[in-house]
């Protein structure tokens, strides 16, 4: 992706907004389900500084803003009434809010196209387009079932208790597996993550286009 200064100026708010709301949603859901750990650590906040992760932002830049992550929100399973149900709910809250933001951004694209004057409209179109693509990319990337991504915790909720060892083994190996996937995707012809995430993003964009346009 060949980006200019204008692109970065428009990408920055979309990126910060997407990551902040993603992590806030995790913290909000955990607190709602009885675990105040994130709240006590100051993570139940719309302040992006408490959520941003240097390595996650670096991966975002290296990937052309197709995938990345923020600082994971901590939670204590001992505070949850039904961990097998609640852990996946906490996990899915982040991707869910990103999809919701993308839907609203697409709806605003429709409104902006009908009401905005020329140059301003072009800027709004580009900004909202980045909001759509970044939020969808962040949502679907995080659904990959490799720790520490949200998909691994969603997978845990579907595993019978007798198979929980699969999740715990993934937890131990997850960061190494994720790093390997990122490096393979970035430096070899085998674009594994792009293959997984890209088609889902494009399908959702086409679906939203059919709904709103």
N, C-alpha and C. Protein backbone atom coordinates (compact mmCIF):
# COMPACT_ATOMS: atom_id res chain seq x y z
N UNK A 1 0.85 -1.19 0.00
CA UNK A 1 0.00 0.00 0.00
C UNK A 1 0.88 1.24 0.00
N UNK A 2 0.78 2.04 -1.05
CA UNK A 2 1.59 3.24 -1.19
C UNK A 2 0.83 4.41 -0.56
N UNK A 3 1.27 4.84 0.61
CA UNK A 3 0.54 5.83 1.37
C UNK A 3 1.25 7.17 1.37
N UNK A 4 0.47 8.25 1.23
CA UNK A 4 1.00 9.59 1.32
C UNK A 4 0.68 10.21 2.66
N UNK A 5 1.11 11.47 2.83
CA UNK A 5 0.88 12.15 4.10
C UNK A 5 -0.61 12.26 4.41
N UNK A 6 -1.40 12.58 3.37
CA UNK A 6 -2.84 12.70 3.60
C UNK A 6 -3.44 11.38 4.09
N UNK A 7 -2.95 10.27 3.51
CA UNK A 7 -3.45 8.95 3.93
C UNK A 7 -3.17 8.70 5.40
N UNK A 8 -1.94 9.02 5.82
CA UNK A 8 -1.59 8.78 7.23
C UNK A 8 -2.40 9.68 8.16
N UNK A 9 -2.66 10.91 7.74
CA UNK A 9 -3.46 11.82 8.57
C UNK A 9 -4.89 11.31 8.74
N UNK A 10 -5.41 10.62 7.72
CA UNK A 10 -6.75 10.07 7.81
C UNK A 10 -6.75 8.69 8.46
N UNK A 11 -5.67 7.95 8.26
CA UNK A 11 -5.57 6.62 8.88
C UNK A 11 -5.44 6.70 10.40
N UNK A 12 -4.70 7.70 10.87
CA UNK A 12 -4.41 7.79 12.31
C UNK A 12 -5.67 7.80 13.17
N UNK A 13 -6.65 8.69 12.91
CA UNK A 13 -7.85 8.68 13.76
C UNK A 13 -8.65 7.38 13.62
N UNK A 14 -8.71 6.84 12.39
CA UNK A 14 -9.45 5.58 12.20
C UNK A 14 -8.80 4.45 12.98
N UNK A 15 -7.49 4.39 12.93
CA UNK A 15 -6.75 3.34 13.62
C UNK A 15 -6.88 3.45 15.13
N UNK A 16 -6.65 4.66 15.65
CA UNK A 16 -6.74 4.87 17.10
C UNK A 16 -8.14 4.59 17.60
N UNK A 17 -9.13 5.05 16.86
CA UNK A 17 -10.54 4.83 17.22
C UNK A 17 -10.85 3.33 17.27
N UNK A 18 -10.43 2.60 16.25
CA UNK A 18 -10.73 1.17 16.17
C UNK A 18 -10.09 0.39 17.32
N UNK A 19 -8.81 0.65 17.57
CA UNK A 19 -8.11 -0.07 18.63
C UNK A 19 -8.66 0.28 20.01
N UNK A 20 -8.94 1.56 20.23
CA UNK A 20 -9.43 1.99 21.53
C UNK A 20 -10.79 1.38 21.85
N UNK A 21 -11.71 1.44 20.89
CA UNK A 21 -13.03 0.87 21.12
C UNK A 21 -12.98 -0.64 21.26
N UNK A 22 -12.08 -1.28 20.52
CA UNK A 22 -11.92 -2.73 20.63
C UNK A 22 -11.57 -3.13 22.06
N UNK A 23 -10.56 -2.48 22.62
CA UNK A 23 -10.12 -2.84 23.97
C UNK A 23 -11.11 -2.37 25.04
N UNK A 24 -11.72 -1.21 24.81
CA UNK A 24 -12.74 -0.73 25.75
C UNK A 24 -13.88 -1.74 25.84
N UNK A 25 -14.28 -2.31 24.69
CA UNK A 25 -15.38 -3.27 24.68
C UNK A 25 -15.04 -4.50 25.51
N UNK A 26 -13.78 -4.97 25.41
CA UNK A 26 -13.36 -6.09 26.26
C UNK A 26 -13.50 -5.74 27.74
N UNK A 27 -12.98 -4.56 28.10
CA UNK A 27 -13.01 -4.13 29.50
C UNK A 27 -14.44 -3.95 29.99
N UNK A 28 -15.28 -3.37 29.15
CA UNK A 28 -16.68 -3.14 29.52
C UNK A 28 -17.39 -4.47 29.75
N UNK A 29 -17.20 -5.42 28.86
CA UNK A 29 -17.88 -6.70 28.99
C UNK A 29 -17.39 -7.46 30.22
N UNK A 30 -16.08 -7.43 30.47
CA UNK A 30 -15.55 -8.10 31.66
C UNK A 30 -16.14 -7.50 32.93
N UNK A 31 -16.19 -6.18 33.00
CA UNK A 31 -16.77 -5.51 34.16
C UNK A 31 -18.25 -5.84 34.30
N UNK A 32 -18.94 -5.89 33.18
CA UNK A 32 -20.37 -6.22 33.17
C UNK A 32 -20.63 -7.62 33.70
N UNK A 33 -19.67 -8.53 33.43
CA UNK A 33 -19.84 -9.93 33.84
C UNK A 33 -19.26 -10.20 35.22
N UNK A 34 -18.84 -9.15 35.91
CA UNK A 34 -18.44 -9.32 37.30
C UNK A 34 -16.96 -9.25 37.59
N UNK A 35 -16.12 -8.99 36.58
CA UNK A 35 -14.69 -8.91 36.81
C UNK A 35 -14.21 -7.47 36.62
N UNK A 36 -13.86 -6.77 37.71
CA UNK A 36 -13.45 -5.36 37.61
C UNK A 36 -11.95 -5.18 37.38
N UNK A 37 -11.23 -6.25 37.05
CA UNK A 37 -9.78 -6.17 36.92
C UNK A 37 -9.36 -5.07 35.96
N UNK A 38 -9.93 -5.07 34.77
CA UNK A 38 -9.56 -4.06 33.77
C UNK A 38 -9.93 -2.66 34.24
N UNK A 39 -11.08 -2.53 34.88
CA UNK A 39 -11.50 -1.23 35.39
C UNK A 39 -10.51 -0.69 36.41
N UNK A 40 -10.07 -1.56 37.33
CA UNK A 40 -9.13 -1.13 38.37
C UNK A 40 -7.77 -0.76 37.78
N UNK A 41 -7.44 -1.32 36.62
CA UNK A 41 -6.16 -1.02 35.97
C UNK A 41 -6.26 0.17 35.01
N UNK A 42 -7.44 0.80 35.00
CA UNK A 42 -7.61 1.98 34.15
C UNK A 42 -7.89 1.66 32.70
N UNK A 43 -8.27 0.42 32.40
CA UNK A 43 -8.50 0.04 31.00
C UNK A 43 -9.95 0.23 30.56
N UNK A 44 -10.85 0.52 31.49
CA UNK A 44 -12.23 0.84 31.12
C UNK A 44 -12.26 2.32 30.78
N UNK A 45 -11.61 2.66 29.67
CA UNK A 45 -11.35 4.06 29.34
C UNK A 45 -11.32 4.23 27.82
N UNK A 46 -11.73 5.42 27.36
CA UNK A 46 -11.61 5.77 25.95
C UNK A 46 -10.31 6.52 25.67
N UNK A 47 -9.40 6.54 26.63
CA UNK A 47 -8.08 7.14 26.43
C UNK A 47 -7.21 6.16 25.65
N UNK A 48 -6.84 6.47 24.41
CA UNK A 48 -6.10 5.49 23.60
C UNK A 48 -4.73 5.15 24.16
N UNK A 49 -4.15 6.04 24.94
CA UNK A 49 -2.79 5.81 25.44
C UNK A 49 -2.73 4.56 26.32
N UNK A 50 -3.80 4.27 27.06
CA UNK A 50 -3.77 3.12 27.97
C UNK A 50 -3.97 1.81 27.22
N UNK A 51 -4.34 1.87 25.96
CA UNK A 51 -4.63 0.66 25.19
C UNK A 51 -3.59 0.34 24.12
N UNK A 52 -2.88 1.34 23.61
CA UNK A 52 -2.02 1.12 22.46
C UNK A 52 -0.79 0.30 22.82
N UNK A 53 -0.40 -0.59 21.90
CA UNK A 53 0.74 -1.48 22.09
C UNK A 53 1.75 -1.20 20.97
N UNK A 54 3.00 -0.99 21.32
CA UNK A 54 4.01 -0.60 20.33
C UNK A 54 4.16 -1.66 19.25
N UNK A 55 4.24 -2.94 19.65
CA UNK A 55 4.44 -4.00 18.68
C UNK A 55 3.22 -4.19 17.78
N UNK A 56 2.04 -4.05 18.38
CA UNK A 56 0.82 -4.18 17.58
C UNK A 56 0.72 -3.09 16.53
N UNK A 57 1.13 -1.86 16.91
CA UNK A 57 1.13 -0.75 15.95
C UNK A 57 2.18 -0.97 14.86
N UNK A 58 3.33 -1.52 15.25
CA UNK A 58 4.38 -1.80 14.29
C UNK A 58 3.91 -2.82 13.25
N UNK A 59 3.21 -3.85 13.71
CA UNK A 59 2.67 -4.86 12.79
C UNK A 59 1.64 -4.23 11.87
N UNK A 60 0.83 -3.33 12.41
CA UNK A 60 -0.16 -2.65 11.58
C UNK A 60 0.51 -1.89 10.43
N UNK A 61 1.58 -1.18 10.74
CA UNK A 61 2.28 -0.43 9.70
C UNK A 61 2.92 -1.38 8.70
N UNK A 62 3.58 -2.44 9.21
CA UNK A 62 4.25 -3.41 8.33
C UNK A 62 3.27 -4.13 7.43
N UNK A 63 2.05 -4.32 7.89
CA UNK A 63 1.06 -5.06 7.12
C UNK A 63 0.25 -4.15 6.19
N UNK A 64 0.62 -2.89 6.12
CA UNK A 64 -0.16 -1.96 5.31
C UNK A 64 -1.50 -1.67 5.92
N UNK A 65 -1.58 -1.70 7.26
CA UNK A 65 -2.80 -1.41 8.01
C UNK A 65 -3.90 -2.45 7.74
N UNK A 66 -3.47 -3.70 7.53
CA UNK A 66 -4.45 -4.77 7.31
C UNK A 66 -4.73 -5.55 8.59
N UNK A 67 -3.77 -5.62 9.51
CA UNK A 67 -4.02 -6.31 10.76
C UNK A 67 -3.03 -5.84 11.82
N UNK A 68 -3.40 -6.06 13.09
CA UNK A 68 -2.58 -5.64 14.20
C UNK A 68 -3.37 -5.78 15.50
N UNK A 69 -2.85 -5.24 16.57
CA UNK A 69 -3.55 -5.38 17.84
C UNK A 69 -3.15 -4.26 18.79
N UNK A 70 -3.91 -4.13 19.88
CA UNK A 70 -3.57 -3.21 20.96
C UNK A 70 -3.16 -4.06 22.18
N UNK A 71 -2.91 -3.39 23.29
CA UNK A 71 -2.51 -4.08 24.51
C UNK A 71 -3.69 -4.91 25.04
N UNK A 72 -3.51 -6.23 25.19
CA UNK A 72 -4.64 -7.06 25.64
C UNK A 72 -5.19 -6.60 26.99
N UNK A 73 -6.51 -6.66 27.12
CA UNK A 73 -7.17 -6.31 28.37
C UNK A 73 -7.13 -7.52 29.31
N UNK A 74 -6.58 -7.36 30.52
CA UNK A 74 -6.51 -8.49 31.45
C UNK A 74 -7.86 -8.73 32.12
N UNK A 75 -8.11 -10.00 32.44
CA UNK A 75 -9.30 -10.34 33.24
C UNK A 75 -8.96 -11.53 34.11
N UNK A 76 -9.73 -11.68 35.18
CA UNK A 76 -9.51 -12.76 36.14
C UNK A 76 -10.68 -13.74 36.06
N UNK A 77 -10.47 -14.94 35.52
CA UNK A 77 -11.56 -15.90 35.39
C UNK A 77 -12.23 -16.25 36.71
N UNK A 78 -11.49 -16.09 37.82
CA UNK A 78 -12.05 -16.42 39.13
C UNK A 78 -13.18 -15.48 39.52
N UNK A 79 -13.24 -14.31 38.90
CA UNK A 79 -14.31 -13.36 39.18
C UNK A 79 -15.56 -13.59 38.33
N UNK A 80 -15.49 -14.52 37.40
CA UNK A 80 -16.60 -14.77 36.48
C UNK A 80 -17.48 -15.90 37.00
N UNK A 81 -18.79 -15.70 36.91
CA UNK A 81 -19.73 -16.72 37.40
C UNK A 81 -19.71 -17.98 36.55
N UNK A 82 -19.59 -17.80 35.23
CA UNK A 82 -19.60 -18.93 34.29
C UNK A 82 -18.46 -18.74 33.28
N UNK A 83 -17.22 -19.08 33.67
CA UNK A 83 -16.07 -18.81 32.80
C UNK A 83 -16.21 -19.38 31.39
N UNK A 84 -16.81 -20.55 31.28
CA UNK A 84 -16.92 -21.18 29.96
C UNK A 84 -17.81 -20.35 29.03
N UNK A 85 -18.75 -19.63 29.60
CA UNK A 85 -19.61 -18.74 28.82
C UNK A 85 -19.04 -17.34 28.75
N UNK A 86 -18.52 -16.86 29.89
CA UNK A 86 -18.15 -15.45 30.00
C UNK A 86 -16.85 -15.11 29.27
N UNK A 87 -15.88 -16.00 29.27
CA UNK A 87 -14.61 -15.73 28.60
C UNK A 87 -14.82 -15.48 27.09
N UNK A 88 -15.60 -16.34 26.39
CA UNK A 88 -15.88 -16.03 24.99
C UNK A 88 -16.65 -14.73 24.79
N UNK A 89 -17.57 -14.40 25.72
CA UNK A 89 -18.31 -13.15 25.60
C UNK A 89 -17.39 -11.94 25.72
N UNK A 90 -16.43 -12.01 26.63
CA UNK A 90 -15.45 -10.93 26.76
C UNK A 90 -14.62 -10.83 25.49
N UNK A 91 -14.24 -11.99 24.96
CA UNK A 91 -13.40 -12.02 23.76
C UNK A 91 -14.12 -11.46 22.53
N UNK A 92 -15.38 -11.86 22.35
CA UNK A 92 -16.10 -11.47 21.13
C UNK A 92 -16.52 -10.01 21.16
N UNK A 93 -16.53 -9.39 22.34
CA UNK A 93 -16.96 -7.99 22.45
C UNK A 93 -16.09 -7.06 21.61
N UNK A 94 -14.78 -7.32 21.55
CA UNK A 94 -13.88 -6.46 20.79
C UNK A 94 -14.16 -6.50 19.29
N UNK A 95 -14.09 -7.70 18.67
CA UNK A 95 -14.43 -7.76 17.24
C UNK A 95 -15.85 -7.28 16.94
N UNK A 96 -16.78 -7.54 17.84
CA UNK A 96 -18.17 -7.14 17.59
C UNK A 96 -18.29 -5.62 17.49
N UNK A 97 -17.63 -4.88 18.37
CA UNK A 97 -17.74 -3.43 18.32
C UNK A 97 -17.07 -2.89 17.06
N UNK A 98 -16.00 -3.55 16.60
CA UNK A 98 -15.37 -3.12 15.35
C UNK A 98 -16.29 -3.31 14.16
N UNK A 99 -17.02 -4.43 14.12
CA UNK A 99 -17.97 -4.66 13.03
C UNK A 99 -19.09 -3.62 13.09
N UNK A 100 -19.56 -3.30 14.29
CA UNK A 100 -20.62 -2.30 14.45
C UNK A 100 -20.13 -0.93 13.95
N UNK A 101 -18.89 -0.56 14.31
CA UNK A 101 -18.34 0.71 13.84
C UNK A 101 -18.25 0.72 12.32
N UNK A 102 -17.84 -0.40 11.73
CA UNK A 102 -17.74 -0.48 10.27
C UNK A 102 -19.11 -0.30 9.62
N UNK A 103 -20.13 -0.90 10.20
CA UNK A 103 -21.49 -0.77 9.65
C UNK A 103 -21.95 0.69 9.70
N UNK A 104 -21.74 1.35 10.84
CA UNK A 104 -22.14 2.75 10.96
C UNK A 104 -21.32 3.63 10.01
N UNK A 105 -20.04 3.30 9.85
CA UNK A 105 -19.20 4.08 8.94
C UNK A 105 -19.71 3.95 7.51
N UNK A 106 -20.14 2.75 7.13
CA UNK A 106 -20.67 2.56 5.78
C UNK A 106 -21.98 3.34 5.61
N UNK A 107 -22.80 3.34 6.65
CA UNK A 107 -24.04 4.12 6.59
C UNK A 107 -23.75 5.61 6.44
N UNK A 108 -22.74 6.10 7.16
CA UNK A 108 -22.36 7.51 7.06
C UNK A 108 -21.79 7.83 5.67
N UNK A 109 -21.16 6.85 5.04
CA UNK A 109 -20.68 7.05 3.67
C UNK A 109 -21.85 7.42 2.75
N UNK A 110 -22.94 6.72 2.95
CA UNK A 110 -24.15 6.98 2.15
C UNK A 110 -24.65 8.40 2.37
N UNK A 111 -24.69 8.82 3.64
CA UNK A 111 -25.17 10.16 3.98
C UNK A 111 -24.21 11.21 3.45
N UNK A 112 -22.90 10.99 3.62
CA UNK A 112 -21.90 11.97 3.19
C UNK A 112 -21.93 12.16 1.68
N UNK A 113 -22.18 11.08 0.95
CA UNK A 113 -22.24 11.18 -0.50
C UNK A 113 -23.40 12.03 -0.98
N UNK A 114 -24.45 12.08 -0.20
CA UNK A 114 -25.64 12.82 -0.62
C UNK A 114 -25.64 14.28 -0.15
N UNK A 115 -24.82 14.60 0.87
CA UNK A 115 -24.96 15.92 1.49
C UNK A 115 -23.70 16.78 1.46
N UNK A 116 -22.52 16.21 1.19
CA UNK A 116 -21.27 16.97 1.34
C UNK A 116 -20.82 17.58 0.02
N UNK A 117 -20.22 18.78 0.08
CA UNK A 117 -19.65 19.39 -1.13
C UNK A 117 -18.37 18.68 -1.57
N UNK A 118 -17.90 18.99 -2.77
CA UNK A 118 -16.84 18.28 -3.46
C UNK A 118 -15.62 17.86 -2.67
N UNK A 119 -14.66 18.80 -2.37
CA UNK A 119 -13.40 18.43 -1.74
C UNK A 119 -13.63 17.84 -0.35
N UNK A 120 -14.55 18.45 0.38
CA UNK A 120 -14.85 17.94 1.72
C UNK A 120 -15.39 16.53 1.63
N UNK A 121 -16.23 16.27 0.65
CA UNK A 121 -16.81 14.95 0.47
C UNK A 121 -15.72 13.91 0.20
N UNK A 122 -14.72 14.28 -0.62
CA UNK A 122 -13.64 13.34 -0.92
C UNK A 122 -12.87 12.95 0.34
N UNK A 123 -12.59 13.96 1.20
CA UNK A 123 -11.90 13.67 2.44
C UNK A 123 -12.71 12.80 3.38
N UNK A 124 -14.01 13.11 3.49
CA UNK A 124 -14.90 12.32 4.34
C UNK A 124 -15.01 10.89 3.80
N UNK A 125 -15.11 10.75 2.48
CA UNK A 125 -15.19 9.42 1.88
C UNK A 125 -13.96 8.59 2.23
N UNK A 126 -12.80 9.21 2.10
CA UNK A 126 -11.56 8.48 2.38
C UNK A 126 -11.47 8.09 3.85
N UNK A 127 -11.79 9.05 4.74
CA UNK A 127 -11.74 8.77 6.17
C UNK A 127 -12.69 7.64 6.55
N UNK A 128 -13.94 7.71 6.07
CA UNK A 128 -14.91 6.68 6.41
C UNK A 128 -14.55 5.33 5.78
N UNK A 129 -13.95 5.38 4.60
CA UNK A 129 -13.49 4.13 3.98
C UNK A 129 -12.41 3.47 4.83
N UNK A 130 -11.48 4.26 5.36
CA UNK A 130 -10.48 3.72 6.27
C UNK A 130 -11.14 3.17 7.54
N UNK A 131 -12.15 3.86 8.04
CA UNK A 131 -12.87 3.36 9.21
C UNK A 131 -13.46 1.98 8.92
N UNK A 132 -14.04 1.82 7.75
CA UNK A 132 -14.65 0.53 7.39
C UNK A 132 -13.58 -0.55 7.32
N UNK A 133 -12.54 -0.33 6.54
CA UNK A 133 -11.55 -1.37 6.29
C UNK A 133 -10.71 -1.71 7.53
N UNK A 134 -10.32 -0.69 8.29
CA UNK A 134 -9.50 -0.95 9.48
C UNK A 134 -10.30 -1.70 10.52
N UNK A 135 -11.54 -1.31 10.76
CA UNK A 135 -12.34 -1.99 11.76
C UNK A 135 -12.65 -3.43 11.37
N UNK A 136 -12.97 -3.66 10.10
CA UNK A 136 -13.23 -5.02 9.66
C UNK A 136 -11.97 -5.87 9.71
N UNK A 137 -10.85 -5.31 9.30
CA UNK A 137 -9.59 -6.06 9.33
C UNK A 137 -9.21 -6.41 10.76
N UNK A 138 -9.37 -5.45 11.67
CA UNK A 138 -9.05 -5.70 13.08
C UNK A 138 -9.97 -6.77 13.66
N UNK A 139 -11.25 -6.71 13.32
CA UNK A 139 -12.21 -7.69 13.83
C UNK A 139 -11.87 -9.10 13.36
N UNK A 140 -11.69 -9.27 12.06
CA UNK A 140 -11.48 -10.62 11.52
C UNK A 140 -10.10 -11.17 11.86
N UNK A 141 -9.10 -10.30 11.91
CA UNK A 141 -7.77 -10.76 12.32
C UNK A 141 -7.82 -11.32 13.74
N UNK A 142 -8.53 -10.61 14.62
CA UNK A 142 -8.59 -11.05 16.02
C UNK A 142 -9.42 -12.30 16.22
N UNK A 143 -10.18 -12.71 15.21
CA UNK A 143 -10.96 -13.95 15.32
C UNK A 143 -10.14 -15.19 14.97
N UNK A 144 -8.91 -15.00 14.50
CA UNK A 144 -8.04 -16.16 14.26
C UNK A 144 -7.78 -16.83 15.61
N UNK A 145 -8.00 -18.15 15.71
CA UNK A 145 -7.91 -18.83 17.02
C UNK A 145 -6.48 -19.14 17.47
N UNK A 146 -5.64 -18.10 17.51
CA UNK A 146 -4.27 -18.24 17.99
C UNK A 146 -4.05 -17.24 19.11
N UNK A 147 -3.73 -17.68 20.33
CA UNK A 147 -3.48 -16.74 21.42
C UNK A 147 -2.34 -15.79 21.06
N UNK A 148 -2.40 -14.54 21.50
CA UNK A 148 -3.39 -13.97 22.42
C UNK A 148 -4.61 -13.37 21.73
N UNK A 149 -4.86 -13.73 20.48
CA UNK A 149 -6.00 -13.17 19.76
C UNK A 149 -7.31 -13.67 20.33
N UNK A 150 -8.37 -12.91 20.09
CA UNK A 150 -9.67 -13.20 20.69
C UNK A 150 -10.24 -14.54 20.24
N UNK A 151 -9.90 -14.95 19.03
CA UNK A 151 -10.45 -16.20 18.51
C UNK A 151 -10.12 -17.40 19.37
N UNK A 152 -8.97 -17.39 20.05
CA UNK A 152 -8.59 -18.53 20.89
C UNK A 152 -9.52 -18.64 22.09
N UNK A 153 -9.94 -17.50 22.64
CA UNK A 153 -10.84 -17.52 23.80
C UNK A 153 -12.26 -17.86 23.39
N UNK A 154 -12.64 -17.48 22.17
CA UNK A 154 -13.95 -17.89 21.66
C UNK A 154 -13.96 -19.41 21.44
N UNK A 155 -12.85 -19.93 20.90
CA UNK A 155 -12.71 -21.38 20.72
C UNK A 155 -12.86 -22.11 22.05
N UNK A 156 -12.28 -21.56 23.12
CA UNK A 156 -12.37 -22.16 24.45
C UNK A 156 -13.82 -22.38 24.86
N UNK A 157 -14.69 -21.45 24.52
CA UNK A 157 -16.09 -21.57 24.91
C UNK A 157 -16.80 -22.71 24.22
N UNK A 158 -16.31 -23.11 23.04
CA UNK A 158 -16.96 -24.18 22.30
C UNK A 158 -16.36 -25.56 22.59
N UNK A 159 -15.22 -25.58 23.26
CA UNK A 159 -14.60 -26.86 23.57
C UNK A 159 -15.29 -27.52 24.76
N UNK A 160 -15.56 -28.81 24.69
CA UNK A 160 -16.05 -29.50 25.90
C UNK A 160 -14.96 -29.50 26.95
N UNK A 161 -15.33 -29.54 28.23
CA UNK A 161 -14.31 -29.49 29.29
C UNK A 161 -13.19 -30.52 29.12
N UNK A 162 -13.52 -31.67 28.55
CA UNK A 162 -12.50 -32.70 28.37
C UNK A 162 -11.45 -32.31 27.34
N UNK A 163 -11.74 -31.28 26.52
CA UNK A 163 -10.81 -30.84 25.49
C UNK A 163 -10.17 -29.48 25.81
N UNK A 164 -10.35 -29.01 27.04
CA UNK A 164 -9.78 -27.71 27.41
C UNK A 164 -8.26 -27.68 27.27
N UNK A 165 -7.64 -28.84 27.32
CA UNK A 165 -6.18 -28.89 27.20
C UNK A 165 -5.72 -28.32 25.86
N UNK A 166 -6.58 -28.41 24.85
CA UNK A 166 -6.23 -27.84 23.54
C UNK A 166 -6.01 -26.34 23.68
N UNK A 167 -6.92 -25.69 24.41
CA UNK A 167 -6.82 -24.25 24.62
C UNK A 167 -5.56 -23.91 25.42
N UNK A 168 -5.29 -24.66 26.49
CA UNK A 168 -4.14 -24.36 27.33
C UNK A 168 -2.83 -24.60 26.60
N UNK A 169 -2.80 -25.61 25.73
CA UNK A 169 -1.60 -25.83 24.91
C UNK A 169 -1.40 -24.67 23.93
N UNK A 170 -2.52 -24.20 23.35
CA UNK A 170 -2.43 -23.05 22.46
C UNK A 170 -1.94 -21.81 23.20
N UNK A 171 -2.40 -21.63 24.44
CA UNK A 171 -1.98 -20.48 25.24
C UNK A 171 -0.46 -20.46 25.41
N UNK A 172 0.14 -21.64 25.58
CA UNK A 172 1.58 -21.70 25.77
C UNK A 172 2.33 -21.41 24.46
N UNK A 173 1.81 -21.92 23.37
CA UNK A 173 2.51 -21.80 22.08
C UNK A 173 2.06 -20.60 21.27
N UNK A 174 0.93 -19.99 21.68
CA UNK A 174 0.28 -18.98 20.86
C UNK A 174 1.15 -17.83 20.41
N UNK A 175 1.85 -17.14 21.31
CA UNK A 175 2.65 -15.98 20.88
C UNK A 175 3.69 -16.36 19.82
N UNK A 176 4.30 -17.54 19.96
CA UNK A 176 5.29 -17.98 18.97
C UNK A 176 4.62 -18.26 17.64
N UNK A 177 3.45 -18.93 17.68
CA UNK A 177 2.71 -19.22 16.46
C UNK A 177 2.28 -17.94 15.76
N UNK A 178 1.81 -16.96 16.54
CA UNK A 178 1.35 -15.70 15.97
C UNK A 178 2.51 -14.95 15.32
N UNK A 179 3.65 -14.92 16.00
CA UNK A 179 4.82 -14.26 15.44
C UNK A 179 5.25 -14.94 14.14
N UNK A 180 5.21 -16.27 14.13
CA UNK A 180 5.58 -17.01 12.92
C UNK A 180 4.63 -16.67 11.77
N UNK A 181 3.33 -16.61 12.06
CA UNK A 181 2.36 -16.26 11.03
C UNK A 181 2.62 -14.87 10.46
N UNK A 182 2.90 -13.93 11.35
CA UNK A 182 3.15 -12.54 10.92
C UNK A 182 4.40 -12.45 10.06
N UNK A 183 5.47 -13.13 10.48
CA UNK A 183 6.72 -13.08 9.72
C UNK A 183 6.58 -13.76 8.36
N UNK A 184 5.89 -14.90 8.35
CA UNK A 184 5.65 -15.59 7.07
C UNK A 184 4.84 -14.70 6.14
N UNK A 185 3.81 -14.07 6.71
CA UNK A 185 2.95 -13.20 5.91
C UNK A 185 3.71 -11.99 5.37
N UNK A 186 4.64 -11.47 6.17
CA UNK A 186 5.33 -10.24 5.81
C UNK A 186 6.50 -10.46 4.85
N UNK A 187 7.19 -11.58 4.99
CA UNK A 187 8.47 -11.73 4.29
C UNK A 187 8.53 -12.91 3.32
N UNK A 188 7.44 -13.59 3.09
CA UNK A 188 7.43 -14.69 2.12
C UNK A 188 6.23 -14.51 1.19
N UNK A 189 6.20 -15.28 0.10
CA UNK A 189 5.03 -15.20 -0.80
C UNK A 189 3.76 -15.79 -0.20
N UNK A 190 3.89 -16.48 0.93
CA UNK A 190 2.73 -17.16 1.53
C UNK A 190 2.00 -16.21 2.47
N UNK A 191 1.02 -15.49 1.94
CA UNK A 191 0.30 -14.47 2.70
C UNK A 191 -0.84 -15.13 3.47
N UNK A 192 -0.46 -15.86 4.53
CA UNK A 192 -1.43 -16.68 5.25
C UNK A 192 -2.52 -15.81 5.88
N UNK A 193 -2.11 -14.79 6.61
CA UNK A 193 -3.09 -13.95 7.30
C UNK A 193 -3.95 -13.19 6.29
N UNK A 194 -3.30 -12.68 5.25
CA UNK A 194 -4.07 -11.98 4.21
C UNK A 194 -5.08 -12.91 3.56
N UNK A 195 -4.69 -14.17 3.38
CA UNK A 195 -5.59 -15.17 2.79
C UNK A 195 -6.80 -15.42 3.68
N UNK A 196 -6.57 -15.40 5.00
CA UNK A 196 -7.66 -15.65 5.94
C UNK A 196 -8.55 -14.42 6.13
N UNK A 197 -7.93 -13.26 6.26
CA UNK A 197 -8.65 -12.05 6.63
C UNK A 197 -9.22 -11.32 5.41
N UNK A 198 -8.42 -11.20 4.37
CA UNK A 198 -8.80 -10.40 3.21
C UNK A 198 -10.15 -10.76 2.60
N UNK A 199 -10.40 -12.04 2.28
CA UNK A 199 -11.69 -12.40 1.67
C UNK A 199 -12.88 -12.08 2.57
N UNK A 200 -12.72 -12.22 3.89
CA UNK A 200 -13.82 -11.90 4.81
C UNK A 200 -14.11 -10.40 4.79
N UNK A 201 -13.05 -9.60 4.76
CA UNK A 201 -13.23 -8.14 4.71
C UNK A 201 -13.93 -7.74 3.42
N UNK A 202 -13.45 -8.26 2.30
CA UNK A 202 -14.03 -7.88 1.00
C UNK A 202 -15.48 -8.35 0.88
N UNK A 203 -15.77 -9.54 1.38
CA UNK A 203 -17.15 -10.04 1.34
C UNK A 203 -18.07 -9.14 2.16
N UNK A 204 -17.60 -8.73 3.35
CA UNK A 204 -18.42 -7.88 4.21
C UNK A 204 -18.62 -6.50 3.59
N UNK A 205 -17.58 -5.97 2.95
CA UNK A 205 -17.71 -4.67 2.27
C UNK A 205 -18.73 -4.76 1.15
N UNK A 206 -18.66 -5.83 0.36
CA UNK A 206 -19.64 -6.00 -0.72
C UNK A 206 -21.06 -6.14 -0.17
N UNK A 207 -21.19 -6.88 0.93
CA UNK A 207 -22.49 -7.05 1.56
C UNK A 207 -23.05 -5.71 2.05
N UNK A 208 -22.19 -4.92 2.72
CA UNK A 208 -22.63 -3.61 3.19
C UNK A 208 -22.97 -2.70 2.02
N UNK A 209 -22.19 -2.81 0.94
CA UNK A 209 -22.49 -2.01 -0.24
C UNK A 209 -23.85 -2.34 -0.82
N UNK A 210 -24.18 -3.62 -0.81
CA UNK A 210 -25.51 -4.04 -1.33
C UNK A 210 -26.62 -3.53 -0.44
N UNK A 211 -26.34 -3.39 0.86
CA UNK A 211 -27.38 -2.95 1.80
C UNK A 211 -27.58 -1.43 1.73
N UNK A 212 -26.47 -0.68 1.67
CA UNK A 212 -26.56 0.77 1.82
C UNK A 212 -26.55 1.54 0.51
N UNK A 213 -26.19 0.89 -0.61
CA UNK A 213 -26.09 1.65 -1.86
C UNK A 213 -26.97 1.06 -2.94
